[in-house]
Amino acid sequence: MQLYCIVIVTTAEALTKLNISHKIDTSGVAIGRRYARTDQIAIPFAITVDFDTLNKTPATATLRERDSMKQIRASVSELSLLLSVIEPKLVKCTRYCKAHFSQAQNVL
């Protein structure tokens, strides 16, 4: 369990550094239900940390694209960079939303 947490926190920090919005789902439901839930709210990509993540060296995780439902396994250390290359609009959108959200907070 502790190694899971290390992988998750490391991945979250890397995504944050690249200004990619993310959420960690710790609900404990089956992966299929998690995918269905994220598909319904139009989240374009999902990163899955699973038993294979911990059993491989270097650690790998699954990156799933919502529209095609295609999945790839990649090194955990490369996932955030891979996401920023695959979908640069995510980075731009996140920066835009953060800028406008902070401006709105200053007005309130």
PDB file of N, CA and C in Angstrom:
ATOM      1  N   MET A   1       0.817  -1.196   0.000  1.00  0.00           N
ATOM      2  CA  MET A   1       0.000   0.000   0.000  1.00  0.00           C
ATOM      3  C   MET A   1       0.861   1.259   0.000  1.00  0.00           C
ATOM      4  N   GLN A   2       1.958   1.220   0.734  1.00  0.00           N
ATOM      5  CA  GLN A   2       2.821   2.389   0.825  1.00  0.00           C
ATOM      6  C   GLN A   2       3.450   2.714  -0.532  1.00  0.00           C
ATOM      7  N   LEU A   3       3.833   1.690  -1.286  1.00  0.00           N
ATOM      8  CA  LEU A   3       4.417   1.928  -2.611  1.00  0.00           C
ATOM      9  C   LEU A   3       3.387   2.534  -3.555  1.00  0.00           C
ATOM     10  N   TYR A   4       2.123   2.091  -3.457  1.00  0.00           N
ATOM     11  CA  TYR A   4       1.053   2.703  -4.252  1.00  0.00           C
ATOM     12  C   TYR A   4       1.019   4.207  -3.994  1.00  0.00           C
ATOM     13  N   CYS A   5       1.043   4.570  -2.724  1.00  0.00           N
ATOM     14  CA  CYS A   5       0.962   5.987  -2.357  1.00  0.00           C
ATOM     15  C   CYS A   5       2.133   6.781  -2.927  1.00  0.00           C
ATOM     16  N   ILE A   6       3.316   6.207  -2.878  1.00  0.00           N
ATOM     17  CA  ILE A   6       4.495   6.889  -3.419  1.00  0.00           C
ATOM     18  C   ILE A   6       4.329   7.124  -4.918  1.00  0.00           C
ATOM     19  N   VAL A   7       3.879   6.094  -5.641  1.00  0.00           N
ATOM     20  CA  VAL A   7       3.683   6.219  -7.090  1.00  0.00           C
ATOM     21  C   VAL A   7       2.610   7.260  -7.393  1.00  0.00           C
ATOM     22  N   ILE A   8       1.519   7.237  -6.657  1.00  0.00           N
ATOM     23  CA  ILE A   8       0.414   8.173  -6.896  1.00  0.00           C
ATOM     24  C   ILE A   8       0.846   9.603  -6.610  1.00  0.00           C
ATOM     25  N   VAL A   9       1.500   9.834  -5.494  1.00  0.00           N
ATOM     26  CA  VAL A   9       1.939  11.185  -5.139  1.00  0.00           C
ATOM     27  C   VAL A   9       2.977  11.698  -6.138  1.00  0.00           C
ATOM     28  N   THR A  10       3.898  10.856  -6.523  1.00  0.00           N
ATOM     29  CA  THR A  10       4.916  11.251  -7.500  1.00  0.00           C
ATOM     30  C   THR A  10       4.277  11.628  -8.829  1.00  0.00           C
ATOM     31  N   THR A  11       3.321  10.835  -9.279  1.00  0.00           N
ATOM     32  CA  THR A  11       2.622  11.124 -10.539  1.00  0.00           C
ATOM     33  C   THR A  11       1.828  12.420 -10.426  1.00  0.00           C
ATOM     34  N   ALA A  12       1.131  12.607  -9.321  1.00  0.00           N
ATOM     35  CA  ALA A  12       0.343  13.832  -9.117  1.00  0.00           C
ATOM     36  C   ALA A  12       1.246  15.063  -9.115  1.00  0.00           C
ATOM     37  N   GLU A  13       2.390  14.972  -8.468  1.00  0.00           N
ATOM     38  CA  GLU A  13       3.329  16.106  -8.439  1.00  0.00           C
ATOM     39  C   GLU A  13       3.845  16.435  -9.837  1.00  0.00           C
ATOM     40  N   ALA A  14       4.144  15.402 -10.617  1.00  0.00           N
ATOM     41  CA  ALA A  14       4.629  15.622 -11.988  1.00  0.00           C
ATOM     42  C   ALA A  14       3.551  16.281 -12.843  1.00  0.00           C
ATOM     43  N   LEU A  15       2.305  15.844 -12.701  1.00  0.00           N
ATOM     44  CA  LEU A  15       1.200  16.452 -13.449  1.00  0.00           C
ATOM     45  C   LEU A  15       1.009  17.912 -13.031  1.00  0.00           C
ATOM     46  N   THR A  16       1.108  18.181 -11.749  1.00  0.00           N
ATOM     47  CA  THR A  16       0.968  19.549 -11.246  1.00  0.00           C
ATOM     48  C   THR A  16       2.055  20.456 -11.808  1.00  0.00           C
ATOM     49  N   LYS A  17       3.291  19.965 -11.850  1.00  0.00           N
ATOM     50  CA  LYS A  17       4.402  20.761 -12.394  1.00  0.00           C
ATOM     51  C   LYS A  17       4.161  21.151 -13.848  1.00  0.00           C
ATOM     52  N   LEU A  18       3.453  20.297 -14.583  1.00  0.00           N
ATOM     53  CA  LEU A  18       3.163  20.583 -15.993  1.00  0.00           C
ATOM     54  C   LEU A  18       1.805  21.282 -16.167  1.00  0.00           C
ATOM     55  N   ASN A  19       1.211  21.698 -15.063  1.00  0.00           N
ATOM     56  CA  ASN A  19      -0.093  22.385 -15.080  1.00  0.00           C
ATOM     57  C   ASN A  19      -1.200  21.542 -15.705  1.00  0.00           C
ATOM     58  N   ILE A  20      -1.167  20.240 -15.475  1.00  0.00           N
ATOM     59  CA  ILE A  20      -2.212  19.355 -15.972  1.00  0.00           C
ATOM     60  C   ILE A  20      -3.147  19.040 -14.806  1.00  0.00           C
ATOM     61  N   SER A  21      -4.395  19.421 -14.967  1.00  0.00           N
ATOM     62  CA  SER A  21      -5.394  19.180 -13.942  1.00  0.00           C
ATOM     63  C   SER A  21      -5.581  17.676 -13.757  1.00  0.00           C
ATOM     64  N   HIS A  22      -5.755  17.248 -12.509  1.00  0.00           N
ATOM     65  CA  HIS A  22      -5.933  15.826 -12.244  1.00  0.00           C
ATOM     66  C   HIS A  22      -6.696  15.626 -10.940  1.00  0.00           C
ATOM     67  N   LYS A  23      -7.232  14.439 -10.790  1.00  0.00           N
ATOM     68  CA  LYS A  23      -7.953  14.054  -9.579  1.00  0.00           C
ATOM     69  C   LYS A  23      -7.592  12.606  -9.275  1.00  0.00           C
ATOM     70  N   ILE A  24      -7.409  12.314  -8.013  1.00  0.00           N
ATOM     71  CA  ILE A  24      -7.091  10.955  -7.591  1.00  0.00           C
ATOM     72  C   ILE A  24      -8.368  10.309  -7.073  1.00  0.00           C
ATOM     73  N   ASP A  25      -8.710   9.153  -7.645  1.00  0.00           N
ATOM     74  CA  ASP A  25      -9.920   8.433  -7.252  1.00  0.00           C
ATOM     75  C   ASP A  25      -9.532   7.294  -6.317  1.00  0.00           C
ATOM     76  N   THR A  26      -9.916   7.412  -5.074  1.00  0.00           N
ATOM     77  CA  THR A  26      -9.615   6.369  -4.088  1.00  0.00           C
ATOM     78  C   THR A  26     -10.894   5.683  -3.617  1.00  0.00           C
ATOM     79  N   SER A  27     -11.897   5.669  -4.466  1.00  0.00           N
ATOM     80  CA  SER A  27     -13.204   5.135  -4.074  1.00  0.00           C
ATOM     81  C   SER A  27     -13.206   3.628  -3.839  1.00  0.00           C
ATOM     82  N   GLY A  28     -12.284   2.906  -4.427  1.00  0.00           N
ATOM     83  CA  GLY A  28     -12.233   1.467  -4.219  1.00  0.00           C
ATOM     84  C   GLY A  28     -13.150   0.654  -5.116  1.00  0.00           C
ATOM     85  N   VAL A  29     -13.858   1.301  -6.051  1.00  0.00           N
ATOM     86  CA  VAL A  29     -14.725   0.554  -6.967  1.00  0.00           C
ATOM     87  C   VAL A  29     -13.893  -0.055  -8.091  1.00  0.00           C
ATOM     88  N   ALA A  30     -14.479  -0.983  -8.803  1.00  0.00           N
ATOM     89  CA  ALA A  30     -13.794  -1.666  -9.905  1.00  0.00           C
ATOM     90  C   ALA A  30     -13.349  -0.655 -10.966  1.00  0.00           C
ATOM     91  N   ILE A  31     -12.274  -0.966 -11.643  1.00  0.00           N
ATOM     92  CA  ILE A  31     -11.708  -0.055 -12.635  1.00  0.00           C
ATOM     93  C   ILE A  31     -12.705   0.256 -13.754  1.00  0.00           C
ATOM     94  N   GLY A  32     -13.501  -0.725 -14.157  1.00  0.00           N
ATOM     95  CA  GLY A  32     -14.502  -0.491 -15.195  1.00  0.00           C
ATOM     96  C   GLY A  32     -15.496   0.590 -14.796  1.00  0.00           C
ATOM     97  N   ARG A  33     -15.892   0.574 -13.539  1.00  0.00           N
ATOM     98  CA  ARG A  33     -16.815   1.612 -13.043  1.00  0.00           C
ATOM     99  C   ARG A  33     -16.134   2.966 -12.981  1.00  0.00           C
ATOM    100  N   ARG A  34     -14.864   2.972 -12.619  1.00  0.00           N
ATOM    101  CA  ARG A  34     -14.129   4.244 -12.597  1.00  0.00           C
ATOM    102  C   ARG A  34     -14.037   4.815 -14.010  1.00  0.00           C
ATOM    103  N   TYR A  35     -13.712   3.958 -14.970  1.00  0.00           N
ATOM    104  CA  TYR A  35     -13.644   4.424 -16.361  1.00  0.00           C
ATOM    105  C   TYR A  35     -15.001   4.953 -16.807  1.00  0.00           C
ATOM    106  N   ALA A  36     -16.069   4.228 -16.499  1.00  0.00           N
ATOM    107  CA  ALA A  36     -17.415   4.666 -16.899  1.00  0.00           C
ATOM    108  C   ALA A  36     -17.750   6.015 -16.277  1.00  0.00           C
ATOM    109  N   ARG A  37     -17.417   6.178 -15.021  1.00  0.00           N
ATOM    110  CA  ARG A  37     -17.695   7.442 -14.326  1.00  0.00           C
ATOM    111  C   ARG A  37     -16.930   8.603 -14.960  1.00  0.00           C
ATOM    112  N   THR A  38     -15.648   8.378 -15.273  1.00  0.00           N
ATOM    113  CA  THR A  38     -14.869   9.460 -15.892  1.00  0.00           C
ATOM    114  C   THR A  38     -15.317   9.718 -17.329  1.00  0.00           C
ATOM    115  N   ASP A  39     -15.743   8.673 -18.025  1.00  0.00           N
ATOM    116  CA  ASP A  39     -16.272   8.856 -19.383  1.00  0.00           C
ATOM    117  C   ASP A  39     -17.513   9.734 -19.369  1.00  0.00           C
ATOM    118  N   GLN A  40     -18.380   9.527 -18.399  1.00  0.00           N
ATOM    119  CA  GLN A  40     -19.626  10.294 -18.312  1.00  0.00           C
ATOM    120  C   GLN A  40     -19.383  11.774 -18.091  1.00  0.00           C
ATOM    121  N   ILE A  41     -18.327  12.112 -17.391  1.00  0.00           N
ATOM    122  CA  ILE A  41     -18.063  13.535 -17.143  1.00  0.00           C
ATOM    123  C   ILE A  41     -16.972  14.084 -18.058  1.00  0.00           C
ATOM    124  N   ALA A  42     -16.693  13.343 -19.121  1.00  0.00           N
ATOM    125  CA  ALA A  42     -15.827  13.793 -20.219  1.00  0.00           C
ATOM    126  C   ALA A  42     -14.373  14.058 -19.821  1.00  0.00           C
ATOM    127  N   ILE A  43     -13.832  13.224 -18.957  1.00  0.00           N
ATOM    128  CA  ILE A  43     -12.407  13.314 -18.645  1.00  0.00           C
ATOM    129  C   ILE A  43     -11.667  12.579 -19.762  1.00  0.00           C
ATOM    130  N   PRO A  44     -10.783  13.274 -20.494  1.00  0.00           N
ATOM    131  CA  PRO A  44     -10.194  12.685 -21.698  1.00  0.00           C
ATOM    132  C   PRO A  44      -9.190  11.554 -21.462  1.00  0.00           C
ATOM    133  N   PHE A  45      -8.493  11.561 -20.326  1.00  0.00           N
ATOM    134  CA  PHE A  45      -7.469  10.548 -20.073  1.00  0.00           C
ATOM    135  C   PHE A  45      -7.551  10.059 -18.634  1.00  0.00           C
ATOM    136  N   ALA A  46      -7.159   8.807 -18.437  1.00  0.00           N
ATOM    137  CA  ALA A  46      -7.086   8.238 -17.092  1.00  0.00           C
ATOM    138  C   ALA A  46      -5.759   7.504 -16.954  1.00  0.00           C
ATOM    139  N   ILE A  47      -5.145   7.669 -15.808  1.00  0.00           N
ATOM    140  CA  ILE A  47      -3.932   6.926 -15.476  1.00  0.00           C
ATOM    141  C   ILE A  47      -4.312   5.932 -14.393  1.00  0.00           C
ATOM    142  N   THR A  48      -3.991   4.659 -14.615  1.00  0.00           N
ATOM    143  CA  THR A  48      -4.327   3.613 -13.659  1.00  0.00           C
ATOM    144  C   THR A  48      -3.063   3.027 -13.053  1.00  0.00           C
ATOM    145  N   VAL A  49      -2.994   3.094 -11.736  1.00  0.00           N
ATOM    146  CA  VAL A  49      -1.914   2.464 -10.989  1.00  0.00           C
ATOM    147  C   VAL A  49      -2.491   1.155 -10.447  1.00  0.00           C
ATOM    148  N   ASP A  50      -1.853   0.030 -10.805  1.00  0.00           N
ATOM    149  CA  ASP A  50      -2.384  -1.280 -10.420  1.00  0.00           C
ATOM    150  C   ASP A  50      -1.270  -2.200  -9.946  1.00  0.00           C
ATOM    151  N   PHE A  51      -1.584  -3.485  -9.788  1.00  0.00           N
ATOM    152  CA  PHE A  51      -0.574  -4.437  -9.318  1.00  0.00           C
ATOM    153  C   PHE A  51       0.623  -4.516 -10.256  1.00  0.00           C
ATOM    154  N   ASP A  52       0.375  -4.407 -11.567  1.00  0.00           N
ATOM    155  CA  ASP A  52       1.487  -4.438 -12.519  1.00  0.00           C
ATOM    156  C   ASP A  52       2.420  -3.252 -12.324  1.00  0.00           C
ATOM    157  N   THR A  53       1.891  -2.138 -11.853  1.00  0.00           N
ATOM    158  CA  THR A  53       2.719  -0.963 -11.584  1.00  0.00           C
ATOM    159  C   THR A  53       3.815  -1.319 -10.596  1.00  0.00           C
ATOM    160  N   LEU A  54       3.443  -2.053  -9.579  1.00  0.00           N
ATOM    161  CA  LEU A  54       4.384  -2.374  -8.508  1.00  0.00           C
ATOM    162  C   LEU A  54       5.294  -3.545  -8.848  1.00  0.00           C
ATOM    163  N   ASN A  55       4.886  -4.379  -9.802  1.00  0.00           N
ATOM    164  CA  ASN A  55       5.651  -5.580 -10.130  1.00  0.00           C
ATOM    165  C   ASN A  55       6.676  -5.387 -11.237  1.00  0.00           C
ATOM    166  N   LYS A  56       6.733  -4.201 -11.812  1.00  0.00           N
ATOM    167  CA  LYS A  56       7.664  -3.970 -12.922  1.00  0.00           C
ATOM    168  C   LYS A  56       8.731  -2.976 -12.505  1.00  0.00           C
ATOM    169  N   THR A  57       9.899  -3.121 -13.109  1.00  0.00           N
ATOM    170  CA  THR A  57      10.978  -2.174 -12.880  1.00  0.00           C
ATOM    171  C   THR A  57      11.451  -1.669 -14.223  1.00  0.00           C
ATOM    172  N   PRO A  58      11.339  -0.388 -14.523  1.00  0.00           N
ATOM    173  CA  PRO A  58      10.761   0.637 -13.662  1.00  0.00           C
ATOM    174  C   PRO A  58       9.239   0.481 -13.579  1.00  0.00           C
ATOM    175  N   ALA A  59       8.658   1.119 -12.583  1.00  0.00           N
ATOM    176  CA  ALA A  59       7.205   1.049 -12.385  1.00  0.00           C
ATOM    177  C   ALA A  59       6.483   1.606 -13.608  1.00  0.00           C
ATOM    178  N   THR A  60       5.429   0.907 -14.027  1.00  0.00           N
ATOM    179  CA  THR A  60       4.630   1.361 -15.172  1.00  0.00           C
ATOM    180  C   THR A  60       3.180   1.491 -14.741  1.00  0.00           C
ATOM    181  N   ALA A  61       2.431   2.288 -15.490  1.00  0.00           N
ATOM    182  CA  ALA A  61       1.001   2.444 -15.245  1.00  0.00           C
ATOM    183  C   ALA A  61       0.306   2.526 -16.593  1.00  0.00           C
ATOM    184  N   THR A  62      -1.006   2.414 -16.574  1.00  0.00           N
ATOM    185  CA  THR A  62      -1.790   2.439 -17.808  1.00  0.00           C
ATOM    186  C   THR A  62      -2.332   3.834 -18.052  1.00  0.00           C
ATOM    187  N   LEU A  63      -2.192   4.307 -19.284  1.00  0.00           N
ATOM    188  CA  LEU A  63      -2.782   5.567 -19.717  1.00  0.00           C
ATOM    189  C   LEU A  63      -3.891   5.209 -20.688  1.00  0.00           C
ATOM    190  N   ARG A  64      -5.128   5.626 -20.384  1.00  0.00           N
ATOM    191  CA  ARG A  64      -6.297   5.302 -21.204  1.00  0.00           C
ATOM    192  C   ARG A  64      -6.885   6.573 -21.788  1.00  0.00           C
ATOM    193  N   GLU A  65      -7.168   6.546 -23.064  1.00  0.00           N
ATOM    194  CA  GLU A  65      -7.790   7.672 -23.766  1.00  0.00           C
ATOM    195  C   GLU A  65      -9.280   7.389 -23.899  1.00  0.00           C
ATOM    196  N   ARG A  66     -10.104   8.324 -23.461  1.00  0.00           N
ATOM    197  CA  ARG A  66     -11.555   8.123 -23.391  1.00  0.00           C
ATOM    198  C   ARG A  66     -12.206   7.825 -24.732  1.00  0.00           C
ATOM    199  N   ASP A  67     -11.969   8.637 -25.765  1.00  0.00           N
ATOM    200  CA  ASP A  67     -12.712   8.521 -27.018  1.00  0.00           C
ATOM    201  C   ASP A  67     -12.459   7.208 -27.750  1.00  0.00           C
ATOM    202  N   SER A  68     -11.207   6.784 -27.800  1.00  0.00           N
ATOM    203  CA  SER A  68     -10.887   5.541 -28.510  1.00  0.00           C
ATOM    204  C   SER A  68     -10.877   4.338 -27.575  1.00  0.00           C
ATOM    205  N   MET A  69     -10.815   4.585 -26.276  1.00  0.00           N
ATOM    206  CA  MET A  69     -10.680   3.561 -25.243  1.00  0.00           C
ATOM    207  C   MET A  69      -9.384   2.774 -25.366  1.00  0.00           C
ATOM    208  N   LYS A  70      -8.426   3.321 -26.108  1.00  0.00           N
ATOM    209  CA  LYS A  70      -7.122   2.663 -26.249  1.00  0.00           C
ATOM    210  C   LYS A  70      -6.300   2.900 -24.994  1.00  0.00           C
ATOM    211  N   GLN A  71      -5.465   1.926 -24.697  1.00  0.00           N
ATOM    212  CA  GLN A  71      -4.621   1.991 -23.514  1.00  0.00           C
ATOM    213  C   GLN A  71      -3.186   1.673 -23.877  1.00  0.00           C
ATOM    214  N   ILE A  72      -2.267   2.328 -23.177  1.00  0.00           N
ATOM    215  CA  ILE A  72      -0.853   1.988 -23.302  1.00  0.00           C
ATOM    216  C   ILE A  72      -0.269   1.902 -21.901  1.00  0.00           C
ATOM    217  N   ARG A  73       0.765   1.109 -21.770  1.00  0.00           N
ATOM    218  CA  ARG A  73       1.515   1.063 -20.505  1.00  0.00           C
ATOM    219  C   ARG A  73       2.784   1.848 -20.734  1.00  0.00           C
ATOM    220  N   ALA A  74       3.085   2.699 -19.775  1.00  0.00           N
ATOM    221  CA  ALA A  74       4.289   3.513 -19.878  1.00  0.00           C
ATOM    222  C   ALA A  74       4.914   3.641 -18.501  1.00  0.00           C
ATOM    223  N   SER A  75       6.164   3.994 -18.494  1.00  0.00           N
ATOM    224  CA  SER A  75       6.867   4.226 -17.247  1.00  0.00           C
ATOM    225  C   SER A  75       6.168   5.346 -16.479  1.00  0.00           C
ATOM    226  N   VAL A  76       6.006   5.167 -15.188  1.00  0.00           N
ATOM    227  CA  VAL A  76       5.352   6.177 -14.356  1.00  0.00           C
ATOM    228  C   VAL A  76       6.087   7.510 -14.481  1.00  0.00           C
ATOM    229  N   SER A  77       7.389   7.458 -14.577  1.00  0.00           N
ATOM    230  CA  SER A  77       8.168   8.700 -14.668  1.00  0.00           C
ATOM    231  C   SER A  77       7.944   9.437 -15.985  1.00  0.00           C
ATOM    232  N   GLU A  78       7.435   8.762 -17.002  1.00  0.00           N
ATOM    233  CA  GLU A  78       7.204   9.385 -18.309  1.00  0.00           C
ATOM    234  C   GLU A  78       5.749   9.790 -18.553  1.00  0.00           C
ATOM    235  N   LEU A  79       4.814   9.350 -17.717  1.00  0.00           N
ATOM    236  CA  LEU A  79       3.389   9.548 -17.998  1.00  0.00           C
ATOM    237  C   LEU A  79       2.976  11.013 -18.094  1.00  0.00           C
ATOM    238  N   SER A  80       3.411  11.835 -17.159  1.00  0.00           N
ATOM    239  CA  SER A  80       2.988  13.235 -17.188  1.00  0.00           C
ATOM    240  C   SER A  80       3.525  13.942 -18.421  1.00  0.00           C
ATOM    241  N   LEU A  81       4.772  13.680 -18.770  1.00  0.00           N
ATOM    242  CA  LEU A  81       5.350  14.285 -19.974  1.00  0.00           C
ATOM    243  C   LEU A  81       4.633  13.768 -21.213  1.00  0.00           C
ATOM    244  N   LEU A  82       4.329  12.487 -21.245  1.00  0.00           N
ATOM    245  CA  LEU A  82       3.602  11.891 -22.355  1.00  0.00           C
ATOM    246  C   LEU A  82       2.233  12.557 -22.523  1.00  0.00           C
ATOM    247  N   LEU A  83       1.543  12.769 -21.428  1.00  0.00           N
ATOM    248  CA  LEU A  83       0.238  13.441 -21.488  1.00  0.00           C
ATOM    249  C   LEU A  83       0.365  14.860 -22.036  1.00  0.00           C
ATOM    250  N   SER A  84       1.383  15.582 -21.623  1.00  0.00           N
ATOM    251  CA  SER A  84       1.542  16.962 -22.087  1.00  0.00           C
ATOM    252  C   SER A  84       1.861  17.017 -23.579  1.00  0.00           C
ATOM    253  N   VAL A  85       2.493  15.975 -24.107  1.00  0.00           N
ATOM    254  CA  VAL A  85       2.792  15.910 -25.539  1.00  0.00           C
ATOM    255  C   VAL A  85       1.564  15.468 -26.326  1.00  0.00           C
ATOM    256  N   ILE A  86       0.853  14.470 -25.797  1.00  0.00           N
ATOM    257  CA  ILE A  86      -0.334  13.953 -26.485  1.00  0.00           C
ATOM    258  C   ILE A  86      -1.423  15.010 -26.574  1.00  0.00           C
ATOM    259  N   GLU A  87      -1.637  15.724 -25.490  1.00  0.00           N
ATOM    260  CA  GLU A  87      -2.765  16.646 -25.426  1.00  0.00           C
ATOM    261  C   GLU A  87      -2.328  18.006 -24.877  1.00  0.00           C
ATOM    262  N   PRO A  88      -1.626  18.801 -25.686  1.00  0.00           N
ATOM    263  CA  PRO A  88      -1.161  20.107 -25.192  1.00  0.00           C
ATOM    264  C   PRO A  88      -2.303  21.036 -24.807  1.00  0.00           C
ATOM    265  N   LYS A  89      -3.501  20.794 -25.338  1.00  0.00           N
ATOM    266  CA  LYS A  89      -4.646  21.636 -24.968  1.00  0.00           C
ATOM    267  C   LYS A  89      -4.958  21.506 -23.482  1.00  0.00           C
ATOM    268  N   LEU A  90      -4.668  20.355 -22.876  1.00  0.00           N
ATOM    269  CA  LEU A  90      -4.905  20.186 -21.438  1.00  0.00           C
ATOM    270  C   LEU A  90      -4.104  21.199 -20.643  1.00  0.00           C
ATOM    271  N   VAL A  91      -2.845  21.382 -21.029  1.00  0.00           N
ATOM    272  CA  VAL A  91      -1.978  22.315 -20.316  1.00  0.00           C
ATOM    273  C   VAL A  91      -2.481  23.729 -20.514  1.00  0.00           C
ATOM    274  N   LYS A  92      -2.812  24.108 -21.763  1.00  0.00           N
ATOM    275  CA  LYS A  92      -3.306  25.456 -22.036  1.00  0.00           C
ATOM    276  C   LYS A  92      -4.611  25.720 -21.308  1.00  0.00           C
ATOM    277  N   CYS A  93      -5.518  24.767 -21.348  1.00  0.00           N
ATOM    278  CA  CYS A  93      -6.822  24.924 -20.701  1.00  0.00           C
ATOM    279  C   CYS A  93      -6.651  25.089 -19.195  1.00  0.00           C
ATOM    280  N   THR A  94      -5.795  24.291 -18.599  1.00  0.00           N
ATOM    281  CA  THR A  94      -5.586  24.374 -17.160  1.00  0.00           C
ATOM    282  C   THR A  94      -5.021  25.729 -16.771  1.00  0.00           C
ATOM    283  N   ARG A  95      -4.050  26.222 -17.535  1.00  0.00           N
ATOM    284  CA  ARG A  95      -3.483  27.549 -17.245  1.00  0.00           C
ATOM    285  C   ARG A  95      -4.556  28.615 -17.382  1.00  0.00           C
ATOM    286  N   TYR A  96      -5.360  28.541 -18.438  1.00  0.00           N
ATOM    287  CA  TYR A  96      -6.431  29.511 -18.687  1.00  0.00           C
ATOM    288  C   TYR A  96      -7.440  29.495 -17.544  1.00  0.00           C
ATOM    289  N   CYS A  97      -7.882  28.307 -17.165  1.00  0.00           N
ATOM    290  CA  CYS A  97      -8.880  28.191 -16.101  1.00  0.00           C
ATOM    291  C   CYS A  97      -8.334  28.699 -14.778  1.00  0.00           C
ATOM    292  N   LYS A  98      -7.085  28.362 -14.465  1.00  0.00           N
ATOM    293  CA  LYS A  98      -6.502  28.825 -13.214  1.00  0.00           C
ATOM    294  C   LYS A  98      -6.411  30.348 -13.196  1.00  0.00           C
ATOM    295  N   ALA A  99      -5.995  30.934 -14.308  1.00  0.00           N
ATOM    296  CA  ALA A  99      -5.856  32.391 -14.375  1.00  0.00           C
ATOM    297  C   ALA A  99      -7.208  33.063 -14.168  1.00  0.00           C
ATOM    298  N   HIS A 100      -8.229  32.580 -14.853  1.00  0.00           N
ATOM    299  CA  HIS A 100      -9.536  33.214 -14.736  1.00  0.00           C
ATOM    300  C   HIS A 100     -10.198  32.919 -13.394  1.00  0.00           C
ATOM    301  N   PHE A 101      -9.958  31.743 -12.841  1.00  0.00           N
ATOM    302  CA  PHE A 101     -10.528  31.416 -11.544  1.00  0.00           C
ATOM    303  C   PHE A 101      -9.923  32.315 -10.462  1.00  0.00           C
ATOM    304  N   SER A 102      -8.592  32.498 -10.520  1.00  0.00           N
ATOM    305  CA  SER A 102      -7.961  33.344  -9.503  1.00  0.00           C
ATOM    306  C   SER A 102      -8.404  34.792  -9.654  1.00  0.00           C
ATOM    307  N   GLN A 103      -8.632  35.264 -10.879  1.00  0.00           N
ATOM    308  CA  GLN A 103      -9.144  36.619 -11.086  1.00  0.00           C
ATOM    309  C   GLN A 103     -10.544  36.747 -10.495  1.00  0.00           C
ATOM    310  N   ALA A 104     -11.376  35.733 -10.692  1.00  0.00           N
ATOM    311  CA  ALA A 104     -12.733  35.763 -10.154  1.00  0.00           C
ATOM    312  C   ALA A 104     -12.713  35.762  -8.635  1.00  0.00           C
ATOM    313  N   GLN A 105     -11.809  35.024  -8.042  1.00  0.00           N
ATOM    314  CA  GLN A 105     -11.707  35.000  -6.582  1.00  0.00           C
ATOM    315  C   GLN A 105     -11.296  36.366  -6.047  1.00  0.00           C
ATOM    316  N   ASN A 106     -10.400  37.052  -6.781  1.00  0.00           N
ATOM    317  CA  ASN A 106      -9.957  38.378  -6.343  1.00  0.00           C
ATOM    318  C   ASN A 106     -11.096  39.388  -6.369  1.00  0.00           C
ATOM    319  N   VAL A 107     -12.025  39.219  -7.298  1.00  0.00           N
ATOM    320  CA  VAL A 107     -13.169  40.117  -7.414  1.00  0.00           C
ATOM    321  C   VAL A 107     -14.137  39.887  -6.260  1.00  0.00           C
ATOM    322  N   LEU A 108     -14.321  38.600  -5.893  1.00  0.00           N
ATOM    323  CA  LEU A 108     -15.229  38.253  -4.802  1.00  0.00           C
ATOM    324  C   LEU A 108     -14.601  38.656  -3.515  1.00  0.00           C
TER     325      LEU A 108
END
